[in-house]
Amino acid sequence: MDWQDRISVDPKVLVGKPVIKGTRVPVQIIVGSLAGGMDIEEICREYRVTEKDVHAALSYAAEVLTEERVHALSHR
């Protein structure tokens, strides 16, 4: 899945948060809805996106996490 075809990052739309192209639906909402137990069909109905959009949101999130660096915090 090539998420670039379906995900847009534009500073003029939701302050640059990644959204489904042509919408104001943030990737964060899609991923959070899946994590909260909604299924893909529910998300598509609720946010008026396609199944491919949902998969693109997950692909985007996976790529961002791959590039993320995690730093351990010291315990007191």
PDB file of N, CA and C in Angstrom:
ATOM      1  N   MET A   1       0.849  -1.185   0.000  1.00  0.00           N
ATOM      2  CA  MET A   1       0.000   0.000   0.000  1.00  0.00           C
ATOM      3  C   MET A   1       0.887   1.237   0.000  1.00  0.00           C
ATOM      4  N   ASP A   2       0.701   2.095  -0.982  1.00  0.00           N
ATOM      5  CA  ASP A   2       1.438   3.344  -1.067  1.00  0.00           C
ATOM      6  C   ASP A   2       0.589   4.443  -0.445  1.00  0.00           C
ATOM      7  N   TRP A   3       0.841   4.746   0.806  1.00  0.00           N
ATOM      8  CA  TRP A   3       0.003   5.692   1.537  1.00  0.00           C
ATOM      9  C   TRP A   3       0.064   7.097   0.945  1.00  0.00           C
ATOM     10  N   GLN A   4       1.134   7.447   0.233  1.00  0.00           N
ATOM     11  CA  GLN A   4       1.264   8.794  -0.329  1.00  0.00           C
ATOM     12  C   GLN A   4       0.121   9.142  -1.284  1.00  0.00           C
ATOM     13  N   ASP A   5      -0.491   8.128  -1.878  1.00  0.00           N
ATOM     14  CA  ASP A   5      -1.608   8.367  -2.794  1.00  0.00           C
ATOM     15  C   ASP A   5      -2.873   8.789  -2.057  1.00  0.00           C
ATOM     16  N   ARG A   6      -2.954   8.510  -0.757  1.00  0.00           N
ATOM     17  CA  ARG A   6      -4.196   8.735  -0.019  1.00  0.00           C
ATOM     18  C   ARG A   6      -4.063   9.624   1.215  1.00  0.00           C
ATOM     19  N   ILE A   7      -2.849   9.928   1.624  1.00  0.00           N
ATOM     20  CA  ILE A   7      -2.622  10.736   2.818  1.00  0.00           C
ATOM     21  C   ILE A   7      -1.987  12.057   2.409  1.00  0.00           C
ATOM     22  N   SER A   8      -2.473  13.138   2.995  1.00  0.00           N
ATOM     23  CA  SER A   8      -1.968  14.467   2.689  1.00  0.00           C
ATOM     24  C   SER A   8      -1.508  15.154   3.970  1.00  0.00           C
ATOM     25  N   VAL A   9      -0.396  15.877   3.868  1.00  0.00           N
ATOM     26  CA  VAL A   9       0.083  16.704   4.970  1.00  0.00           C
ATOM     27  C   VAL A   9       0.234  18.109   4.414  1.00  0.00           C
ATOM     28  N   ASP A  10      -0.655  18.992   4.832  1.00  0.00           N
ATOM     29  CA  ASP A  10      -0.688  20.358   4.314  1.00  0.00           C
ATOM     30  C   ASP A  10      -0.854  21.312   5.491  1.00  0.00           C
ATOM     31  N   PRO A  11       0.071  22.248   5.670  1.00  0.00           N
ATOM     32  CA  PRO A  11      -0.023  23.173   6.806  1.00  0.00           C
ATOM     33  C   PRO A  11      -1.333  23.965   6.835  1.00  0.00           C
ATOM     34  N   LYS A  12      -2.022  24.050   5.703  1.00  0.00           N
ATOM     35  CA  LYS A  12      -3.284  24.794   5.642  1.00  0.00           C
ATOM     36  C   LYS A  12      -4.486  23.944   6.055  1.00  0.00           C
ATOM     37  N   VAL A  13      -4.274  22.652   6.234  1.00  0.00           N
ATOM     38  CA  VAL A  13      -5.367  21.746   6.615  1.00  0.00           C
ATOM     39  C   VAL A  13      -5.028  21.142   7.968  1.00  0.00           C
ATOM     40  N   LEU A  14      -5.845  21.436   8.971  1.00  0.00           N
ATOM     41  CA  LEU A  14      -5.661  20.938  10.340  1.00  0.00           C
ATOM     42  C   LEU A  14      -4.231  21.137  10.843  1.00  0.00           C
ATOM     43  N   VAL A  15      -3.676  22.298  10.548  1.00  0.00           N
ATOM     44  CA  VAL A  15      -2.345  22.689  11.024  1.00  0.00           C
ATOM     45  C   VAL A  15      -1.274  21.665  10.629  1.00  0.00           C
ATOM     46  N   GLY A  16      -1.444  21.034   9.475  1.00  0.00           N
ATOM     47  CA  GLY A  16      -0.434  20.119   8.972  1.00  0.00           C
ATOM     48  C   GLY A  16      -0.518  18.698   9.468  1.00  0.00           C
ATOM     49  N   LYS A  17      -1.580  18.365  10.204  1.00  0.00           N
ATOM     50  CA  LYS A  17      -1.735  16.966  10.619  1.00  0.00           C
ATOM     51  C   LYS A  17      -2.013  16.115   9.380  1.00  0.00           C
ATOM     52  N   PRO A  18      -1.522  14.885   9.358  1.00  0.00           N
ATOM     53  CA  PRO A  18      -1.813  14.019   8.206  1.00  0.00           C
ATOM     54  C   PRO A  18      -3.303  13.663   8.172  1.00  0.00           C
ATOM     55  N   VAL A  19      -3.902  13.844   6.999  1.00  0.00           N
ATOM     56  CA  VAL A  19      -5.328  13.567   6.817  1.00  0.00           C
ATOM     57  C   VAL A  19      -5.528  12.710   5.578  1.00  0.00           C
ATOM     58  N   ILE A  20      -6.709  12.116   5.485  1.00  0.00           N
ATOM     59  CA  ILE A  20      -7.097  11.421   4.265  1.00  0.00           C
ATOM     60  C   ILE A  20      -7.297  12.494   3.195  1.00  0.00           C
ATOM     61  N   LYS A  21      -6.654  12.332   2.044  1.00  0.00           N
ATOM     62  CA  LYS A  21      -6.749  13.335   0.977  1.00  0.00           C
ATOM     63  C   LYS A  21      -8.203  13.646   0.638  1.00  0.00           C
ATOM     64  N   GLY A  22      -8.462  14.933   0.448  1.00  0.00           N
ATOM     65  CA  GLY A  22      -9.800  15.360   0.067  1.00  0.00           C
ATOM     66  C   GLY A  22     -10.766  15.440   1.231  1.00  0.00           C
ATOM     67  N   THR A  23     -10.275  15.194   2.448  1.00  0.00           N
ATOM     68  CA  THR A  23     -11.120  15.250   3.635  1.00  0.00           C
ATOM     69  C   THR A  23     -10.382  16.038   4.718  1.00  0.00           C
ATOM     70  N   ARG A  24     -11.026  16.184   5.834  1.00  0.00           N
ATOM     71  CA  ARG A  24     -10.378  16.731   7.022  1.00  0.00           C
ATOM     72  C   ARG A  24     -10.332  15.651   8.111  1.00  0.00           C
ATOM     73  N   VAL A  25     -10.307  14.397   7.684  1.00  0.00           N
ATOM     74  CA  VAL A  25     -10.271  13.269   8.617  1.00  0.00           C
ATOM     75  C   VAL A  25      -8.811  12.929   8.906  1.00  0.00           C
ATOM     76  N   PRO A  26      -8.359  13.173  10.149  1.00  0.00           N
ATOM     77  CA  PRO A  26      -6.965  12.893  10.488  1.00  0.00           C
ATOM     78  C   PRO A  26      -6.665  11.398  10.570  1.00  0.00           C
ATOM     79  N   VAL A  27      -5.445  11.055  10.184  1.00  0.00           N
ATOM     80  CA  VAL A  27      -4.966   9.680  10.323  1.00  0.00           C
ATOM     81  C   VAL A  27      -5.112   9.233  11.775  1.00  0.00           C
ATOM     82  N   GLN A  28      -4.830  10.116  12.702  1.00  0.00           N
ATOM     83  CA  GLN A  28      -4.924   9.818  14.137  1.00  0.00           C
ATOM     84  C   GLN A  28      -6.319   9.313  14.516  1.00  0.00           C
ATOM     85  N   ILE A  29      -7.359   9.904  13.942  1.00  0.00           N
ATOM     86  CA  ILE A  29      -8.732   9.477  14.240  1.00  0.00           C
ATOM     87  C   ILE A  29      -8.980   8.075  13.714  1.00  0.00           C
ATOM     88  N   ILE A  30      -8.493   7.786  12.514  1.00  0.00           N
ATOM     89  CA  ILE A  30      -8.682   6.456  11.918  1.00  0.00           C
ATOM     90  C   ILE A  30      -7.990   5.399  12.774  1.00  0.00           C
ATOM     91  N   VAL A  31      -6.721   5.632  13.089  1.00  0.00           N
ATOM     92  CA  VAL A  31      -5.954   4.649  13.873  1.00  0.00           C
ATOM     93  C   VAL A  31      -6.546   4.520  15.274  1.00  0.00           C
ATOM     94  N   GLY A  32      -6.902   5.639  15.878  1.00  0.00           N
ATOM     95  CA  GLY A  32      -7.502   5.603  17.214  1.00  0.00           C
ATOM     96  C   GLY A  32      -8.835   4.876  17.235  1.00  0.00           C
ATOM     97  N   SER A  33      -9.621   5.035  16.192  1.00  0.00           N
ATOM     98  CA  SER A  33     -10.907   4.339  16.111  1.00  0.00           C
ATOM     99  C   SER A  33     -10.714   2.832  16.012  1.00  0.00           C
ATOM    100  N   LEU A  34      -9.727   2.411  15.227  1.00  0.00           N
ATOM    101  CA  LEU A  34      -9.416   0.979  15.147  1.00  0.00           C
ATOM    102  C   LEU A  34      -8.952   0.462  16.501  1.00  0.00           C
ATOM    103  N   ALA A  35      -8.085   1.222  17.156  1.00  0.00           N
ATOM    104  CA  ALA A  35      -7.591   0.813  18.477  1.00  0.00           C
ATOM    105  C   ALA A  35      -8.716   0.755  19.494  1.00  0.00           C
ATOM    106  N   GLY A  36      -9.713   1.606  19.313  1.00  0.00           N
ATOM    107  CA  GLY A  36     -10.850   1.636  20.230  1.00  0.00           C
ATOM    108  C   GLY A  36     -11.885   0.564  19.977  1.00  0.00           C
ATOM    109  N   GLY A  37     -11.681  -0.237  18.930  1.00  0.00           N
ATOM    110  CA  GLY A  37     -12.578  -1.367  18.705  1.00  0.00           C
ATOM    111  C   GLY A  37     -13.509  -1.237  17.516  1.00  0.00           C
ATOM    112  N   MET A  38     -13.505  -0.102  16.846  1.00  0.00           N
ATOM    113  CA  MET A  38     -14.347   0.012  15.650  1.00  0.00           C
ATOM    114  C   MET A  38     -13.761  -0.864  14.547  1.00  0.00           C
ATOM    115  N   ASP A  39     -14.633  -1.423  13.729  1.00  0.00           N
ATOM    116  CA  ASP A  39     -14.113  -2.178  12.596  1.00  0.00           C
ATOM    117  C   ASP A  39     -14.050  -1.272  11.369  1.00  0.00           C
ATOM    118  N   ILE A  40     -13.407  -1.751  10.332  1.00  0.00           N
ATOM    119  CA  ILE A  40     -13.166  -0.929   9.151  1.00  0.00           C
ATOM    120  C   ILE A  40     -14.473  -0.433   8.546  1.00  0.00           C
ATOM    121  N   GLU A  41     -15.469  -1.284   8.482  1.00  0.00           N
ATOM    122  CA  GLU A  41     -16.745  -0.885   7.897  1.00  0.00           C
ATOM    123  C   GLU A  41     -17.376   0.261   8.684  1.00  0.00           C
ATOM    124  N   GLU A  42     -17.307   0.193  10.009  1.00  0.00           N
ATOM    125  CA  GLU A  42     -17.847   1.274  10.853  1.00  0.00           C
ATOM    126  C   GLU A  42     -17.113   2.585  10.593  1.00  0.00           C
ATOM    127  N   ILE A  43     -15.802   2.501  10.504  1.00  0.00           N
ATOM    128  CA  ILE A  43     -14.998   3.697  10.270  1.00  0.00           C
ATOM    129  C   ILE A  43     -15.346   4.310   8.912  1.00  0.00           C
ATOM    130  N   CYS A  44     -15.488   3.470   7.910  1.00  0.00           N
ATOM    131  CA  CYS A  44     -15.841   3.964   6.582  1.00  0.00           C
ATOM    132  C   CYS A  44     -17.186   4.691   6.599  1.00  0.00           C
ATOM    133  N   ARG A  45     -18.151   4.129   7.302  1.00  0.00           N
ATOM    134  CA  ARG A  45     -19.465   4.771   7.398  1.00  0.00           C
ATOM    135  C   ARG A  45     -19.388   6.060   8.211  1.00  0.00           C
ATOM    136  N   GLU A  46     -18.755   5.996   9.363  1.00  0.00           N
ATOM    137  CA  GLU A  46     -18.708   7.134  10.288  1.00  0.00           C
ATOM    138  C   GLU A  46     -17.973   8.343   9.706  1.00  0.00           C
ATOM    139  N   TYR A  47     -16.856   8.099   9.035  1.00  0.00           N
ATOM    140  CA  TYR A  47     -16.006   9.195   8.562  1.00  0.00           C
ATOM    141  C   TYR A  47     -16.047   9.397   7.057  1.00  0.00           C
ATOM    142  N   ARG A  48     -16.859   8.590   6.372  1.00  0.00           N
ATOM    143  CA  ARG A  48     -17.014   8.686   4.914  1.00  0.00           C
ATOM    144  C   ARG A  48     -15.672   8.563   4.189  1.00  0.00           C
ATOM    145  N   VAL A  49     -14.938   7.514   4.552  1.00  0.00           N
ATOM    146  CA  VAL A  49     -13.680   7.178   3.892  1.00  0.00           C
ATOM    147  C   VAL A  49     -13.811   5.776   3.320  1.00  0.00           C
ATOM    148  N   THR A  50     -12.836   5.368   2.533  1.00  0.00           N
ATOM    149  CA  THR A  50     -12.876   4.036   1.935  1.00  0.00           C
ATOM    150  C   THR A  50     -11.997   3.076   2.730  1.00  0.00           C
ATOM    151  N   GLU A  51     -12.156   1.811   2.455  1.00  0.00           N
ATOM    152  CA  GLU A  51     -11.309   0.799   3.087  1.00  0.00           C
ATOM    153  C   GLU A  51      -9.837   1.042   2.723  1.00  0.00           C
ATOM    154  N   LYS A  52      -9.594   1.452   1.492  1.00  0.00           N
ATOM    155  CA  LYS A  52      -8.221   1.755   1.080  1.00  0.00           C
ATOM    156  C   LYS A  52      -7.664   2.936   1.879  1.00  0.00           C
ATOM    157  N   ASP A  53      -8.510   3.900   2.203  1.00  0.00           N
ATOM    158  CA  ASP A  53      -8.077   5.031   3.027  1.00  0.00           C
ATOM    159  C   ASP A  53      -7.653   4.551   4.416  1.00  0.00           C
ATOM    160  N   VAL A  54      -8.418   3.642   4.984  1.00  0.00           N
ATOM    161  CA  VAL A  54      -8.101   3.105   6.312  1.00  0.00           C
ATOM    162  C   VAL A  54      -6.762   2.373   6.271  1.00  0.00           C
ATOM    163  N   HIS A  55      -6.555   1.562   5.252  1.00  0.00           N
ATOM    164  CA  HIS A  55      -5.292   0.835   5.130  1.00  0.00           C
ATOM    165  C   HIS A  55      -4.119   1.803   4.907  1.00  0.00           C
ATOM    166  N   ALA A  56      -4.367   2.869   4.158  1.00  0.00           N
ATOM    167  CA  ALA A  56      -3.324   3.877   3.953  1.00  0.00           C
ATOM    168  C   ALA A  56      -2.961   4.558   5.270  1.00  0.00           C
ATOM    169  N   ALA A  57      -3.962   4.832   6.095  1.00  0.00           N
ATOM    170  CA  ALA A  57      -3.706   5.443   7.410  1.00  0.00           C
ATOM    171  C   ALA A  57      -2.840   4.525   8.261  1.00  0.00           C
ATOM    172  N   LEU A  58      -3.121   3.240   8.226  1.00  0.00           N
ATOM    173  CA  LEU A  58      -2.307   2.285   8.986  1.00  0.00           C
ATOM    174  C   LEU A  58      -0.891   2.193   8.424  1.00  0.00           C
ATOM    175  N   SER A  59      -0.761   2.210   7.107  1.00  0.00           N
ATOM    176  CA  SER A  59       0.566   2.177   6.491  1.00  0.00           C
ATOM    177  C   SER A  59       1.364   3.414   6.859  1.00  0.00           C
ATOM    178  N   TYR A  60       0.711   4.572   6.851  1.00  0.00           N
ATOM    179  CA  TYR A  60       1.373   5.814   7.249  1.00  0.00           C
ATOM    180  C   TYR A  60       1.856   5.716   8.695  1.00  0.00           C
ATOM    181  N   ALA A  61       0.968   5.271   9.587  1.00  0.00           N
ATOM    182  CA  ALA A  61       1.325   5.158  11.005  1.00  0.00           C
ATOM    183  C   ALA A  61       2.487   4.184  11.200  1.00  0.00           C
ATOM    184  N   ALA A  62       2.471   3.078  10.488  1.00  0.00           N
ATOM    185  CA  ALA A  62       3.555   2.099  10.602  1.00  0.00           C
ATOM    186  C   ALA A  62       4.882   2.698  10.149  1.00  0.00           C
ATOM    187  N   GLU A  63       4.856   3.452   9.070  1.00  0.00           N
ATOM    188  CA  GLU A  63       6.091   4.063   8.578  1.00  0.00           C
ATOM    189  C   GLU A  63       6.617   5.120   9.555  1.00  0.00           C
ATOM    190  N   VAL A  64       5.728   5.921  10.101  1.00  0.00           N
ATOM    191  CA  VAL A  64       6.143   6.934  11.077  1.00  0.00           C
ATOM    192  C   VAL A  64       6.761   6.266  12.302  1.00  0.00           C
ATOM    193  N   LEU A  65       6.165   5.187  12.760  1.00  0.00           N
ATOM    194  CA  LEU A  65       6.701   4.485  13.927  1.00  0.00           C
ATOM    195  C   LEU A  65       8.044   3.839  13.630  1.00  0.00           C
ATOM    196  N   THR A  66       8.244   3.409  12.399  1.00  0.00           N
ATOM    197  CA  THR A  66       9.521   2.822  12.014  1.00  0.00           C
ATOM    198  C   THR A  66      10.641   3.848  12.133  1.00  0.00           C
ATOM    199  N   GLU A  67      10.339   5.082  11.821  1.00  0.00           N
ATOM    200  CA  GLU A  67      11.334   6.154  11.840  1.00  0.00           C
ATOM    201  C   GLU A  67      11.489   6.810  13.211  1.00  0.00           C
ATOM    202  N   GLU A  68      10.559   6.528  14.126  1.00  0.00           N
ATOM    203  CA  GLU A  68      10.564   7.170  15.435  1.00  0.00           C
ATOM    204  C   GLU A  68      11.678   6.621  16.316  1.00  0.00           C
ATOM    205  N   ARG A  69      12.303   7.494  17.052  1.00  0.00           N
ATOM    206  CA  ARG A  69      13.318   7.092  18.028  1.00  0.00           C
ATOM    207  C   ARG A  69      12.708   7.218  19.415  1.00  0.00           C
ATOM    208  N   VAL A  70      12.908   6.195  20.216  1.00  0.00           N
ATOM    209  CA  VAL A  70      12.384   6.185  21.576  1.00  0.00           C
ATOM    210  C   VAL A  70      13.551   6.327  22.535  1.00  0.00           C
ATOM    211  N   HIS A  71      13.418   7.228  23.473  1.00  0.00           N
ATOM    212  CA  HIS A  71      14.465   7.455  24.469  1.00  0.00           C
ATOM    213  C   HIS A  71      13.941   7.062  25.830  1.00  0.00           C
ATOM    214  N   ALA A  72      14.657   6.178  26.499  1.00  0.00           N
ATOM    215  CA  ALA A  72      14.257   5.717  27.826  1.00  0.00           C
ATOM    216  C   ALA A  72      14.393   6.870  28.822  1.00  0.00           C
ATOM    217  N   LEU A  73      13.406   6.987  29.665  1.00  0.00           N
ATOM    218  CA  LEU A  73      13.465   7.965  30.740  1.00  0.00           C
ATOM    219  C   LEU A  73      14.023   7.286  31.975  1.00  0.00           C
ATOM    220  N   SER A  74      14.839   7.980  32.695  1.00  0.00           N
ATOM    221  CA  SER A  74      15.408   7.371  33.910  1.00  0.00           C
ATOM    222  C   SER A  74      14.329   7.304  34.985  1.00  0.00           C
ATOM    223  N   HIS A  75      14.382   6.230  35.769  1.00  0.00           N
ATOM    224  CA  HIS A  75      13.437   6.067  36.878  1.00  0.00           C
ATOM    225  C   HIS A  75      14.059   6.649  38.122  1.00  0.00           C
ATOM    226  N   ARG A  76      13.270   7.297  38.909  1.00  0.00           N
ATOM    227  CA  ARG A  76      13.790   7.888  40.151  1.00  0.00           C
ATOM    228  C   ARG A  76      13.605   6.973  41.310  1.00  0.00           C
TER     229      ARG A  76
END
